[in-house]
């Protein structure tokens, strides 16, 4: 059995999840999207905020709002089937898993 971690981190629209990503220290330098009201927080944390329905950055999948749910779900399926996220910095080394 392999001990290599394979993971896709999902960030559905708004709520607490954007701030969880910010607090985990995983947004800096990444292309990400979120609900418009959280854009400034994402940018202040170092994210390159883009206005697209779904954005993928090294295993982290983000979307803007509930209207993007179909595209978000399709991208989740694609990313999980692809399964190529062996330590692609989805979680920094200093964050316990």
PDB file of N, CA and C in Angstrom:
ATOM      1  N   UNK A   1       0.844  -1.190   0.000  1.00  0.00           N
ATOM      2  CA  UNK A   1       0.000   0.000   0.000  1.00  0.00           C
ATOM      3  C   UNK A   1       0.883   1.245   0.000  1.00  0.00           C
ATOM      4  N   UNK A   2       0.606   2.164  -0.865  1.00  0.00           N
ATOM      5  CA  UNK A   2       1.378   3.401  -0.968  1.00  0.00           C
ATOM      6  C   UNK A   2       1.043   4.350   0.178  1.00  0.00           C
ATOM      7  N   UNK A   3       2.053   5.042   0.675  1.00  0.00           N
ATOM      8  CA  UNK A   3       1.821   6.038   1.717  1.00  0.00           C
ATOM      9  C   UNK A   3       1.777   7.442   1.146  1.00  0.00           C
ATOM     10  N   UNK A   4       1.857   7.563  -0.170  1.00  0.00           N
ATOM     11  CA  UNK A   4       1.797   8.867  -0.811  1.00  0.00           C
ATOM     12  C   UNK A   4       0.383   9.419  -0.715  1.00  0.00           C
ATOM     13  N   UNK A   5       0.276  10.663  -0.270  1.00  0.00           N
ATOM     14  CA  UNK A   5      -1.037  11.288  -0.133  1.00  0.00           C
ATOM     15  C   UNK A   5      -1.487  11.848  -1.475  1.00  0.00           C
ATOM     16  N   UNK A   6      -2.692  11.530  -1.847  1.00  0.00           N
ATOM     17  CA  UNK A   6      -3.304  12.108  -3.038  1.00  0.00           C
ATOM     18  C   UNK A   6      -4.548  12.832  -2.576  1.00  0.00           C
ATOM     19  N   UNK A   7      -4.649  14.121  -2.869  1.00  0.00           N
ATOM     20  CA  UNK A   7      -5.799  14.867  -2.370  1.00  0.00           C
ATOM     21  C   UNK A   7      -6.183  15.986  -3.314  1.00  0.00           C
ATOM     22  N   UNK A   8      -7.452  16.248  -3.349  1.00  0.00           N
ATOM     23  CA  UNK A   8      -7.997  17.424  -3.998  1.00  0.00           C
ATOM     24  C   UNK A   8      -8.726  18.186  -2.909  1.00  0.00           C
ATOM     25  N   UNK A   9      -8.409  19.468  -2.757  1.00  0.00           N
ATOM     26  CA  UNK A   9      -9.058  20.297  -1.752  1.00  0.00           C
ATOM     27  C   UNK A   9     -10.142  21.096  -2.450  1.00  0.00           C
ATOM     28  N   UNK A  10     -11.345  21.040  -1.930  1.00  0.00           N
ATOM     29  CA  UNK A  10     -12.491  21.695  -2.552  1.00  0.00           C
ATOM     30  C   UNK A  10     -12.917  22.907  -1.751  1.00  0.00           C
ATOM     31  N   UNK A  11     -13.191  23.989  -2.427  1.00  0.00           N
ATOM     32  CA  UNK A  11     -13.632  25.228  -1.783  1.00  0.00           C
ATOM     33  C   UNK A  11     -14.949  25.643  -2.421  1.00  0.00           C
ATOM     34  N   UNK A  12     -16.075  25.238  -1.831  1.00  0.00           N
ATOM     35  CA  UNK A  12     -17.361  25.607  -2.413  1.00  0.00           C
ATOM     36  C   UNK A  12     -17.782  27.025  -2.036  1.00  0.00           C
ATOM     37  N   UNK A  13     -17.884  27.862  -2.987  1.00  0.00           N
ATOM     38  CA  UNK A  13     -18.418  29.229  -2.935  1.00  0.00           C
ATOM     39  C   UNK A  13     -18.070  30.029  -1.695  1.00  0.00           C
ATOM     40  N   UNK A  14     -19.061  30.395  -0.892  1.00  0.00           N
ATOM     41  CA  UNK A  14     -18.808  31.295   0.232  1.00  0.00           C
ATOM     42  C   UNK A  14     -19.074  30.578   1.550  1.00  0.00           C
ATOM     43  N   UNK A  15     -19.177  31.332   2.611  1.00  0.00           N
ATOM     44  CA  UNK A  15     -19.314  30.729   3.934  1.00  0.00           C
ATOM     45  C   UNK A  15     -17.961  30.757   4.620  1.00  0.00           C
ATOM     46  N   UNK A  16     -17.682  29.775   5.434  1.00  0.00           N
ATOM     47  CA  UNK A  16     -16.424  29.755   6.177  1.00  0.00           C
ATOM     48  C   UNK A  16     -15.238  29.255   5.368  1.00  0.00           C
ATOM     49  N   UNK A  17     -15.466  28.496   4.303  1.00  0.00           N
ATOM     50  CA  UNK A  17     -14.347  27.843   3.623  1.00  0.00           C
ATOM     51  C   UNK A  17     -13.270  28.781   3.092  1.00  0.00           C
ATOM     52  N   UNK A  18     -13.571  29.962   2.538  1.00  0.00           N
ATOM     53  CA  UNK A  18     -12.477  30.828   2.096  1.00  0.00           C
ATOM     54  C   UNK A  18     -11.566  31.235   3.251  1.00  0.00           C
ATOM     55  N   UNK A  19     -12.156  31.533   4.394  1.00  0.00           N
ATOM     56  CA  UNK A  19     -11.340  31.946   5.534  1.00  0.00           C
ATOM     57  C   UNK A  19     -10.543  30.775   6.093  1.00  0.00           C
ATOM     58  N   UNK A  20     -11.079  29.563   5.978  1.00  0.00           N
ATOM     59  CA  UNK A  20     -10.316  28.383   6.394  1.00  0.00           C
ATOM     60  C   UNK A  20      -9.077  28.222   5.523  1.00  0.00           C
ATOM     61  N   UNK A  21      -9.221  28.438   4.215  1.00  0.00           N
ATOM     62  CA  UNK A  21      -8.065  28.363   3.320  1.00  0.00           C
ATOM     63  C   UNK A  21      -7.057  29.453   3.645  1.00  0.00           C
ATOM     64  N   UNK A  22      -7.552  30.656   3.943  1.00  0.00           N
ATOM     65  CA  UNK A  22      -6.668  31.763   4.316  1.00  0.00           C
ATOM     66  C   UNK A  22      -5.925  31.425   5.598  1.00  0.00           C
ATOM     67  N   UNK A  23      -6.642  30.978   6.620  1.00  0.00           N
ATOM     68  CA  UNK A  23      -6.021  30.639   7.904  1.00  0.00           C
ATOM     69  C   UNK A  23      -5.042  29.482   7.780  1.00  0.00           C
ATOM     70  N   UNK A  24      -5.296  28.569   6.859  1.00  0.00           N
ATOM     71  CA  UNK A  24      -4.389  27.434   6.648  1.00  0.00           C
ATOM     72  C   UNK A  24      -3.132  27.852   5.899  1.00  0.00           C
ATOM     73  N   UNK A  25      -3.127  29.080   5.368  1.00  0.00           N
ATOM     74  CA  UNK A  25      -1.952  29.586   4.673  1.00  0.00           C
ATOM     75  C   UNK A  25      -1.742  28.990   3.292  1.00  0.00           C
ATOM     76  N   UNK A  26      -2.825  28.631   2.609  1.00  0.00           N
ATOM     77  CA  UNK A  26      -2.675  27.973   1.309  1.00  0.00           C
ATOM     78  C   UNK A  26      -3.100  28.829   0.112  1.00  0.00           C
ATOM     79  N   UNK A  27      -3.444  30.097   0.320  1.00  0.00           N
ATOM     80  CA  UNK A  27      -3.923  30.904  -0.806  1.00  0.00           C
ATOM     81  C   UNK A  27      -2.825  31.745  -1.457  1.00  0.00           C
ATOM     82  N   UNK A  28      -1.777  32.038  -0.748  1.00  0.00           N
ATOM     83  CA  UNK A  28      -0.744  32.938  -1.267  1.00  0.00           C
ATOM     84  C   UNK A  28      -0.130  32.406  -2.563  1.00  0.00           C
ATOM     85  N   UNK A  29      -0.155  33.268  -3.589  1.00  0.00           N
ATOM     86  CA  UNK A  29       0.446  32.939  -4.871  1.00  0.00           C
ATOM     87  C   UNK A  29      -0.392  32.044  -5.769  1.00  0.00           C
ATOM     88  N   UNK A  30      -1.583  31.699  -5.353  1.00  0.00           N
ATOM     89  CA  UNK A  30      -2.438  30.811  -6.151  1.00  0.00           C
ATOM     90  C   UNK A  30      -3.509  31.601  -6.894  1.00  0.00           C
ATOM     91  N   UNK A  31      -3.885  31.118  -8.078  1.00  0.00           N
ATOM     92  CA  UNK A  31      -5.072  31.623  -8.757  1.00  0.00           C
ATOM     93  C   UNK A  31      -6.261  31.024  -8.027  1.00  0.00           C
ATOM     94  N   UNK A  32      -7.202  31.868  -7.600  1.00  0.00           N
ATOM     95  CA  UNK A  32      -8.377  31.400  -6.874  1.00  0.00           C
ATOM     96  C   UNK A  32      -9.551  32.302  -7.196  1.00  0.00           C
ATOM     97  N   UNK A  33     -10.742  31.798  -6.923  1.00  0.00           N
ATOM     98  CA  UNK A  33     -11.941  32.605  -7.035  1.00  0.00           C
ATOM     99  C   UNK A  33     -12.783  32.387  -5.788  1.00  0.00           C
ATOM    100  N   UNK A  34     -13.769  33.241  -5.600  1.00  0.00           N
ATOM    101  CA  UNK A  34     -14.640  33.151  -4.425  1.00  0.00           C
ATOM    102  C   UNK A  34     -15.841  34.057  -4.664  1.00  0.00           C
ATOM    103  N   UNK A  35     -16.741  34.073  -3.709  1.00  0.00           N
ATOM    104  CA  UNK A  35     -17.848  35.014  -3.728  1.00  0.00           C
ATOM    105  C   UNK A  35     -17.258  36.431  -3.777  1.00  0.00           C
ATOM    106  N   UNK A  36     -17.862  37.336  -4.522  1.00  0.00           N
ATOM    107  CA  UNK A  36     -17.305  38.685  -4.696  1.00  0.00           C
ATOM    108  C   UNK A  36     -17.037  39.404  -3.376  1.00  0.00           C
ATOM    109  N   UNK A  37     -17.865  39.181  -2.373  1.00  0.00           N
ATOM    110  CA  UNK A  37     -17.686  39.886  -1.099  1.00  0.00           C
ATOM    111  C   UNK A  37     -16.445  39.429  -0.337  1.00  0.00           C
ATOM    112  N   UNK A  38     -15.839  38.326  -0.754  1.00  0.00           N
ATOM    113  CA  UNK A  38     -14.651  37.799  -0.077  1.00  0.00           C
ATOM    114  C   UNK A  38     -13.390  38.071  -0.896  1.00  0.00           C
ATOM    115  N   UNK A  39     -13.556  38.666  -2.057  1.00  0.00           N
ATOM    116  CA  UNK A  39     -12.431  38.936  -2.956  1.00  0.00           C
ATOM    117  C   UNK A  39     -11.288  39.662  -2.251  1.00  0.00           C
ATOM    118  N   UNK A  40     -11.581  40.743  -1.546  1.00  0.00           N
ATOM    119  CA  UNK A  40     -10.535  41.532  -0.891  1.00  0.00           C
ATOM    120  C   UNK A  40      -9.783  40.709   0.140  1.00  0.00           C
ATOM    121  N   UNK A  41     -10.495  39.896   0.915  1.00  0.00           N
ATOM    122  CA  UNK A  41      -9.826  39.040   1.900  1.00  0.00           C
ATOM    123  C   UNK A  41      -8.879  38.063   1.215  1.00  0.00           C
ATOM    124  N   UNK A  42      -9.317  37.468   0.104  1.00  0.00           N
ATOM    125  CA  UNK A  42      -8.467  36.531  -0.631  1.00  0.00           C
ATOM    126  C   UNK A  42      -7.226  37.248  -1.168  1.00  0.00           C
ATOM    127  N   UNK A  43      -7.419  38.437  -1.739  1.00  0.00           N
ATOM    128  CA  UNK A  43      -6.288  39.190  -2.274  1.00  0.00           C
ATOM    129  C   UNK A  43      -5.338  39.623  -1.164  1.00  0.00           C
ATOM    130  N   UNK A  44      -5.880  40.066  -0.039  1.00  0.00           N
ATOM    131  CA  UNK A  44      -5.027  40.471   1.083  1.00  0.00           C
ATOM    132  C   UNK A  44      -4.204  39.305   1.623  1.00  0.00           C
ATOM    133  N   UNK A  45      -4.701  38.091   1.440  1.00  0.00           N
ATOM    134  CA  UNK A  45      -3.970  36.895   1.879  1.00  0.00           C
ATOM    135  C   UNK A  45      -2.986  36.412   0.815  1.00  0.00           C
ATOM    136  N   UNK A  46      -2.949  37.108  -0.329  1.00  0.00           N
ATOM    137  CA  UNK A  46      -1.960  36.791  -1.354  1.00  0.00           C
ATOM    138  C   UNK A  46      -2.462  36.003  -2.540  1.00  0.00           C
ATOM    139  N   UNK A  47      -3.763  35.741  -2.605  1.00  0.00           N
ATOM    140  CA  UNK A  47      -4.307  35.008  -3.749  1.00  0.00           C
ATOM    141  C   UNK A  47      -4.378  35.914  -4.970  1.00  0.00           C
ATOM    142  N   UNK A  48      -4.225  35.334  -6.138  1.00  0.00           N
ATOM    143  CA  UNK A  48      -4.470  36.023  -7.400  1.00  0.00           C
ATOM    144  C   UNK A  48      -5.933  35.744  -7.734  1.00  0.00           C
ATOM    145  N   UNK A  49      -6.831  36.641  -7.299  1.00  0.00           N
ATOM    146  CA  UNK A  49      -8.266  36.424  -7.438  1.00  0.00           C
ATOM    147  C   UNK A  49      -8.688  36.641  -8.882  1.00  0.00           C
ATOM    148  N   UNK A  50      -9.425  35.678  -9.443  1.00  0.00           N
ATOM    149  CA  UNK A  50      -9.934  35.785 -10.808  1.00  0.00           C
ATOM    150  C   UNK A  50     -11.440  35.555 -10.807  1.00  0.00           C
ATOM    151  N   UNK A  51     -12.129  36.203 -11.713  1.00  0.00           N
ATOM    152  CA  UNK A  51     -13.588  36.108 -11.804  1.00  0.00           C
ATOM    153  C   UNK A  51     -13.969  35.049 -12.837  1.00  0.00           C
ATOM    154  N   UNK A  52     -13.856  33.777 -12.435  1.00  0.00           N
ATOM    155  CA  UNK A  52     -14.260  32.645 -13.277  1.00  0.00           C
ATOM    156  C   UNK A  52     -15.088  31.696 -12.424  1.00  0.00           C
ATOM    157  N   UNK A  53     -15.960  30.921 -13.060  1.00  0.00           N
ATOM    158  CA  UNK A  53     -16.841  30.054 -12.284  1.00  0.00           C
ATOM    159  C   UNK A  53     -16.102  28.962 -11.538  1.00  0.00           C
ATOM    160  N   UNK A  54     -14.993  28.481 -12.058  1.00  0.00           N
ATOM    161  CA  UNK A  54     -14.192  27.464 -11.375  1.00  0.00           C
ATOM    162  C   UNK A  54     -12.721  27.729 -11.661  1.00  0.00           C
ATOM    163  N   UNK A  55     -11.897  27.625 -10.620  1.00  0.00           N
ATOM    164  CA  UNK A  55     -10.452  27.789 -10.763  1.00  0.00           C
ATOM    165  C   UNK A  55      -9.783  26.631 -10.029  1.00  0.00           C
ATOM    166  N   UNK A  56      -8.770  26.027 -10.672  1.00  0.00           N
ATOM    167  CA  UNK A  56      -8.002  24.954 -10.046  1.00  0.00           C
ATOM    168  C   UNK A  56      -6.558  25.410  -9.930  1.00  0.00           C
ATOM    169  N   UNK A  57      -5.991  25.252  -8.745  1.00  0.00           N
ATOM    170  CA  UNK A  57      -4.592  25.602  -8.518  1.00  0.00           C
ATOM    171  C   UNK A  57      -3.946  24.516  -7.665  1.00  0.00           C
ATOM    172  N   UNK A  58      -3.176  23.649  -8.323  1.00  0.00           N
ATOM    173  CA  UNK A  58      -2.453  22.568  -7.637  1.00  0.00           C
ATOM    174  C   UNK A  58      -3.319  21.812  -6.642  1.00  0.00           C
ATOM    175  N   UNK A  59      -4.441  21.335  -7.092  1.00  0.00           N
ATOM    176  CA  UNK A  59      -5.279  20.495  -6.251  1.00  0.00           C
ATOM    177  C   UNK A  59      -6.317  21.219  -5.422  1.00  0.00           C
ATOM    178  N   UNK A  60      -6.341  22.547  -5.458  1.00  0.00           N
ATOM    179  CA  UNK A  60      -7.377  23.297  -4.755  1.00  0.00           C
ATOM    180  C   UNK A  60      -8.369  23.810  -5.796  1.00  0.00           C
ATOM    181  N   UNK A  61      -9.623  23.407  -5.655  1.00  0.00           N
ATOM    182  CA  UNK A  61     -10.679  23.786  -6.592  1.00  0.00           C
ATOM    183  C   UNK A  61     -11.552  24.832  -5.917  1.00  0.00           C
ATOM    184  N   UNK A  62     -11.690  25.999  -6.542  1.00  0.00           N
ATOM    185  CA  UNK A  62     -12.512  27.063  -5.973  1.00  0.00           C
ATOM    186  C   UNK A  62     -13.597  27.476  -6.967  1.00  0.00           C
ATOM    187  N   UNK A  63     -14.699  27.995  -6.433  1.00  0.00           N
ATOM    188  CA  UNK A  63     -15.771  28.530  -7.277  1.00  0.00           C
ATOM    189  C   UNK A  63     -16.337  29.782  -6.623  1.00  0.00           C
ATOM    190  N   UNK A  64     -17.179  30.512  -7.364  1.00  0.00           N
ATOM    191  CA  UNK A  64     -17.645  31.820  -6.896  1.00  0.00           C
ATOM    192  C   UNK A  64     -18.926  31.787  -6.090  1.00  0.00           C
ATOM    193  N   UNK A  65     -19.945  31.105  -6.602  1.00  0.00           N
ATOM    194  CA  UNK A  65     -21.271  31.212  -5.986  1.00  0.00           C
ATOM    195  C   UNK A  65     -22.115  29.989  -6.338  1.00  0.00           C
ATOM    196  N   UNK A  66     -23.286  29.854  -5.727  1.00  0.00           N
ATOM    197  CA  UNK A  66     -24.126  28.688  -6.008  1.00  0.00           C
ATOM    198  C   UNK A  66     -24.499  28.530  -7.483  1.00  0.00           C
ATOM    199  N   UNK A  67     -24.509  29.607  -8.238  1.00  0.00           N
ATOM    200  CA  UNK A  67     -24.797  29.521  -9.666  1.00  0.00           C
ATOM    201  C   UNK A  67     -23.732  28.771 -10.446  1.00  0.00           C
ATOM    202  N   UNK A  68     -22.560  28.602  -9.850  1.00  0.00           N
ATOM    203  CA  UNK A  68     -21.451  27.894 -10.494  1.00  0.00           C
ATOM    204  C   UNK A  68     -21.391  26.422 -10.102  1.00  0.00           C
ATOM    205  N   UNK A  69     -22.383  25.948  -9.368  1.00  0.00           N
ATOM    206  CA  UNK A  69     -22.332  24.599  -8.806  1.00  0.00           C
ATOM    207  C   UNK A  69     -22.170  23.505  -9.863  1.00  0.00           C
ATOM    208  N   UNK A  70     -22.845  23.622 -11.007  1.00  0.00           N
ATOM    209  CA  UNK A  70     -22.710  22.593 -12.048  1.00  0.00           C
ATOM    210  C   UNK A  70     -21.274  22.503 -12.551  1.00  0.00           C
ATOM    211  N   UNK A  71     -20.665  23.650 -12.828  1.00  0.00           N
ATOM    212  CA  UNK A  71     -19.277  23.663 -13.297  1.00  0.00           C
ATOM    213  C   UNK A  71     -18.332  23.180 -12.202  1.00  0.00           C
ATOM    214  N   UNK A  72     -18.602  23.576 -10.956  1.00  0.00           N
ATOM    215  CA  UNK A  72     -17.782  23.160  -9.816  1.00  0.00           C
ATOM    216  C   UNK A  72     -17.834  21.642  -9.649  1.00  0.00           C
ATOM    217  N   UNK A  73     -19.027  21.080  -9.712  1.00  0.00           N
ATOM    218  CA  UNK A  73     -19.193  19.635  -9.567  1.00  0.00           C
ATOM    219  C   UNK A  73     -18.496  18.883 -10.699  1.00  0.00           C
ATOM    220  N   UNK A  74     -18.630  19.372 -11.926  1.00  0.00           N
ATOM    221  CA  UNK A  74     -17.966  18.732 -13.065  1.00  0.00           C
ATOM    222  C   UNK A  74     -16.451  18.752 -12.893  1.00  0.00           C
ATOM    223  N   UNK A  75     -15.915  19.869 -12.398  1.00  0.00           N
ATOM    224  CA  UNK A  75     -14.470  19.976 -12.201  1.00  0.00           C
ATOM    225  C   UNK A  75     -14.007  19.058 -11.083  1.00  0.00           C
ATOM    226  N   UNK A  76     -14.795  18.931 -10.012  1.00  0.00           N
ATOM    227  CA  UNK A  76     -14.445  18.010  -8.925  1.00  0.00           C
ATOM    228  C   UNK A  76     -14.326  16.590  -9.470  1.00  0.00           C
ATOM    229  N   UNK A  77     -15.309  16.167 -10.251  1.00  0.00           N
ATOM    230  CA  UNK A  77     -15.286  14.820 -10.822  1.00  0.00           C
ATOM    231  C   UNK A  77     -14.044  14.639 -11.682  1.00  0.00           C
ATOM    232  N   UNK A  78     -13.756  15.615 -12.525  1.00  0.00           N
ATOM    233  CA  UNK A  78     -12.577  15.551 -13.391  1.00  0.00           C
ATOM    234  C   UNK A  78     -11.290  15.442 -12.569  1.00  0.00           C
ATOM    235  N   UNK A  79     -11.152  16.271 -11.546  1.00  0.00           N
ATOM    236  CA  UNK A  79      -9.936  16.271 -10.728  1.00  0.00           C
ATOM    237  C   UNK A  79      -9.762  14.964  -9.960  1.00  0.00           C
ATOM    238  N   UNK A  80     -10.837  14.447  -9.401  1.00  0.00           N
ATOM    239  CA  UNK A  80     -10.746  13.196  -8.641  1.00  0.00           C
ATOM    240  C   UNK A  80     -10.408  12.036  -9.576  1.00  0.00           C
ATOM    241  N   UNK A  81     -11.031  11.994 -10.750  1.00  0.00           N
ATOM    242  CA  UNK A  81     -10.724  10.938 -11.715  1.00  0.00           C
ATOM    243  C   UNK A  81      -9.282  11.024 -12.193  1.00  0.00           C
ATOM    244  N   UNK A  82      -8.785  12.241 -12.357  1.00  0.00           N
ATOM    245  CA  UNK A  82      -7.414  12.453 -12.805  1.00  0.00           C
ATOM    246  C   UNK A  82      -6.424  11.925 -11.774  1.00  0.00           C
ATOM    247  N   UNK A  83      -6.676  12.231 -10.493  1.00  0.00           N
ATOM    248  CA  UNK A  83      -5.874  11.709  -9.399  1.00  0.00           C
ATOM    249  C   UNK A  83      -4.397  12.028  -9.454  1.00  0.00           C
ATOM    250  N   UNK A  84      -4.016  13.202  -9.900  1.00  0.00           N
ATOM    251  CA  UNK A  84      -2.602  13.547 -10.026  1.00  0.00           C
ATOM    252  C   UNK A  84      -2.179  14.602  -9.024  1.00  0.00           C
ATOM    253  N   UNK A  85      -2.546  14.479  -7.796  1.00  0.00           N
ATOM    254  CA  UNK A  85      -2.229  15.520  -6.825  1.00  0.00           C
ATOM    255  C   UNK A  85      -1.306  15.005  -5.736  1.00  0.00           C
ATOM    256  N   UNK A  86      -0.315  14.241  -6.140  1.00  0.00           N
ATOM    257  CA  UNK A  86       0.639  13.716  -5.177  1.00  0.00           C
ATOM    258  C   UNK A  86       1.532  14.850  -4.697  1.00  0.00           C
ATOM    259  N   UNK A  87       1.169  15.432  -3.549  1.00  0.00           N
ATOM    260  CA  UNK A  87       1.933  16.501  -2.904  1.00  0.00           C
ATOM    261  C   UNK A  87       2.217  17.662  -3.849  1.00  0.00           C
ATOM    262  N   UNK A  88       1.238  18.095  -4.592  1.00  0.00           N
ATOM    263  CA  UNK A  88       1.379  19.266  -5.457  1.00  0.00           C
ATOM    264  C   UNK A  88       1.114  20.532  -4.663  1.00  0.00           C
ATOM    265  N   UNK A  89       1.596  20.561  -3.442  1.00  0.00           N
ATOM    266  CA  UNK A  89       1.480  21.727  -2.579  1.00  0.00           C
ATOM    267  C   UNK A  89       0.047  22.128  -2.276  1.00  0.00           C
ATOM    268  N   UNK A  90      -0.873  21.191  -2.293  1.00  0.00           N
ATOM    269  CA  UNK A  90      -2.243  21.517  -1.897  1.00  0.00           C
ATOM    270  C   UNK A  90      -2.266  21.955  -0.443  1.00  0.00           C
ATOM    271  N   UNK A  91      -1.374  21.380   0.354  1.00  0.00           N
ATOM    272  CA  UNK A  91      -1.236  21.755   1.756  1.00  0.00           C
ATOM    273  C   UNK A  91       0.247  21.973   2.018  1.00  0.00           C
ATOM    274  N   UNK A  92       0.633  23.121   2.580  1.00  0.00           N
ATOM    275  CA  UNK A  92       2.048  23.362   2.860  1.00  0.00           C
ATOM    276  C   UNK A  92       2.612  22.308   3.811  1.00  0.00           C
ATOM    277  N   UNK A  93       3.898  22.073   3.723  1.00  0.00           N
ATOM    278  CA  UNK A  93       4.568  21.068   4.542  1.00  0.00           C
ATOM    279  C   UNK A  93       4.372  21.301   6.036  1.00  0.00           C
ATOM    280  N   UNK A  94       4.248  22.558   6.470  1.00  0.00           N
ATOM    281  CA  UNK A  94       4.155  22.854   7.900  1.00  0.00           C
ATOM    282  C   UNK A  94       2.745  22.730   8.472  1.00  0.00           C
ATOM    283  N   UNK A  95       1.768  22.379   7.650  1.00  0.00           N
ATOM    284  CA  UNK A  95       0.395  22.223   8.126  1.00  0.00           C
ATOM    285  C   UNK A  95       0.143  20.743   8.381  1.00  0.00           C
ATOM    286  N   UNK A  96      -0.195  20.365   9.631  1.00  0.00           N
ATOM    287  CA  UNK A  96      -0.442  18.945   9.917  1.00  0.00           C
ATOM    288  C   UNK A  96      -1.678  18.439   9.191  1.00  0.00           C
ATOM    289  N   UNK A  97      -1.597  17.224   8.718  1.00  0.00           N
ATOM    290  CA  UNK A  97      -2.711  16.620   7.980  1.00  0.00           C
ATOM    291  C   UNK A  97      -3.304  15.519   8.833  1.00  0.00           C
TER     292      UNK A  97
END
